[in-house]
Each structure stands twice: as structure tokens, then as C-alpha cells.
């Protein structure tokens, strides 16, 4: 598994739609550690298996069929961050 400098944007998406991480965990069938790690922006891996479960679950829970990976995660340029 490859680790990347990413920032998850799922927490605000959940809050906006009144969805709890627990409800996301049940709907996605992801593990508790992964679901809460994503929701709390502490999960630092981008895995296709996770996305295969996460995106359909979030589309259903938010009633947003247009939801894409860019709505969930962003790449953080560590070099630019270090210069700040």
C-alpha cells in the first residue's frame, strides 16, 4: 500500500449531510478504524478497495450520484507546506 500526503474532506461532507461516521461504516462495510480514520483525517492511504466501498456509500447517504474522488480527498504538497 502506498502512503501519500493527502487530506480527507469527508468530515465536512458528513456534517453537511447529517451523517455520522458510524452510519458511513455500516453503509460502506469498511472497518471502524478505516472509517473513523477517514472521517478524522488520520487515514493516510489511498486504496482502490476502500474507494470502491466509500464512494457508493457516500453517494447513497448524501443523495449525490455525482460525487467523485476529488470531493473526498485532496493531495497536499508537502514541499510547499514546509516552505510556509
Protein backbone atom coordinates (compact mmCIF):
# COMPACT_ATOMS: atom_id res chain seq x y z
CA UNK A 1 0.00 0.00 0.00
CA UNK A 2 1.33 3.41 -0.94
CA UNK A 3 1.18 6.28 1.54
CA UNK A 4 0.65 9.74 0.17
CA UNK A 5 0.39 13.26 1.59
CA UNK A 6 -3.39 13.52 1.40
CA UNK A 7 -6.12 15.35 3.25
CA UNK A 8 -9.55 13.77 3.56
CA UNK A 9 -12.53 16.10 3.11
CA UNK A 10 -15.12 13.54 4.25
CA UNK A 11 -15.82 15.01 7.71
CA UNK A 12 -17.34 18.20 6.33
CA UNK A 13 -19.31 16.17 3.79
CA UNK A 14 -20.71 14.01 6.60
CA UNK A 15 -21.53 17.02 8.78
CA UNK A 16 -23.25 18.87 5.93
CA UNK A 17 -25.48 15.85 5.31
CA UNK A 18 -26.06 14.93 8.98
CA UNK A 19 -24.37 11.57 8.55
CA UNK A 20 -22.30 10.04 11.34
CA UNK A 21 -19.06 8.12 10.76
CA UNK A 22 -20.83 5.12 12.32
CA UNK A 23 -23.58 5.26 9.71
CA UNK A 24 -20.93 5.52 6.98
CA UNK A 25 -19.15 2.50 8.46
CA UNK A 26 -22.35 0.42 8.36
CA UNK A 27 -23.28 1.52 4.83
CA UNK A 28 -19.78 1.10 3.38
CA UNK A 29 -18.90 -2.07 5.31
CA UNK A 30 -15.44 -0.64 5.90
CA UNK A 31 -13.69 -1.34 9.19
CA UNK A 32 -14.18 1.00 12.10
CA UNK A 33 -10.51 2.02 12.04
CA UNK A 34 -10.59 2.95 8.36
CA UNK A 35 -13.95 4.73 8.51
CA UNK A 36 -13.10 6.84 11.55
CA UNK A 37 -9.58 7.44 10.23
CA UNK A 38 -11.04 8.85 7.03
CA UNK A 39 -13.64 10.90 8.91
CA UNK A 40 -10.97 12.31 11.26
CA UNK A 41 -8.35 12.78 8.53
CA UNK A 42 -5.87 10.38 10.15
CA UNK A 43 -6.04 7.63 7.50
CA UNK A 44 -3.12 8.37 5.17
CA UNK A 45 -3.57 5.74 2.47
CA UNK A 46 -5.46 5.96 -0.79
CA UNK A 47 -6.64 2.46 -1.58
CA UNK A 48 -8.87 1.48 -4.50
CA UNK A 49 -10.61 -1.17 -2.42
CA UNK A 50 -11.59 1.47 0.13
CA UNK A 51 -12.78 3.83 -2.61
CA UNK A 52 -14.88 1.04 -4.16
CA UNK A 53 -16.83 0.90 -0.89
CA UNK A 54 -16.61 4.51 0.23
CA UNK A 55 -17.85 6.33 -2.87
CA UNK A 56 -21.07 4.31 -3.40
CA UNK A 57 -21.89 4.55 0.32
CA UNK A 58 -21.38 8.32 0.36
CA UNK A 59 -23.37 8.73 -2.84
CA UNK A 60 -26.26 6.91 -1.21
CA UNK A 61 -26.03 8.69 2.15
CA UNK A 62 -25.67 12.17 0.64
CA UNK A 63 -28.05 11.53 -2.28
CA UNK A 64 -25.31 12.85 -4.58
CA UNK A 65 -24.73 10.49 -7.51
CA UNK A 66 -22.18 12.91 -8.98
CA UNK A 67 -19.80 12.53 -6.01
CA UNK A 68 -16.24 11.86 -7.19
CA UNK A 69 -12.90 11.11 -5.57
CA UNK A 70 -11.90 14.79 -5.77
CA UNK A 71 -14.83 15.61 -3.48
CA UNK A 72 -13.38 13.29 -0.82
CA UNK A 73 -9.63 13.77 -0.84
CA UNK A 74 -7.00 16.27 -1.86
CA UNK A 75 -3.28 15.92 -2.33
CA UNK A 76 -1.16 18.04 -0.01
CA UNK A 77 2.13 19.25 -1.41
CA UNK A 78 4.49 18.56 1.49
CA UNK A 79 7.25 20.68 -0.09
CA UNK A 80 5.01 23.74 -0.31
CA UNK A 81 3.74 23.10 3.22
CA UNK A 82 7.31 23.02 4.57
CA UNK A 83 8.09 26.42 2.99
CA UNK A 84 5.20 28.14 4.79
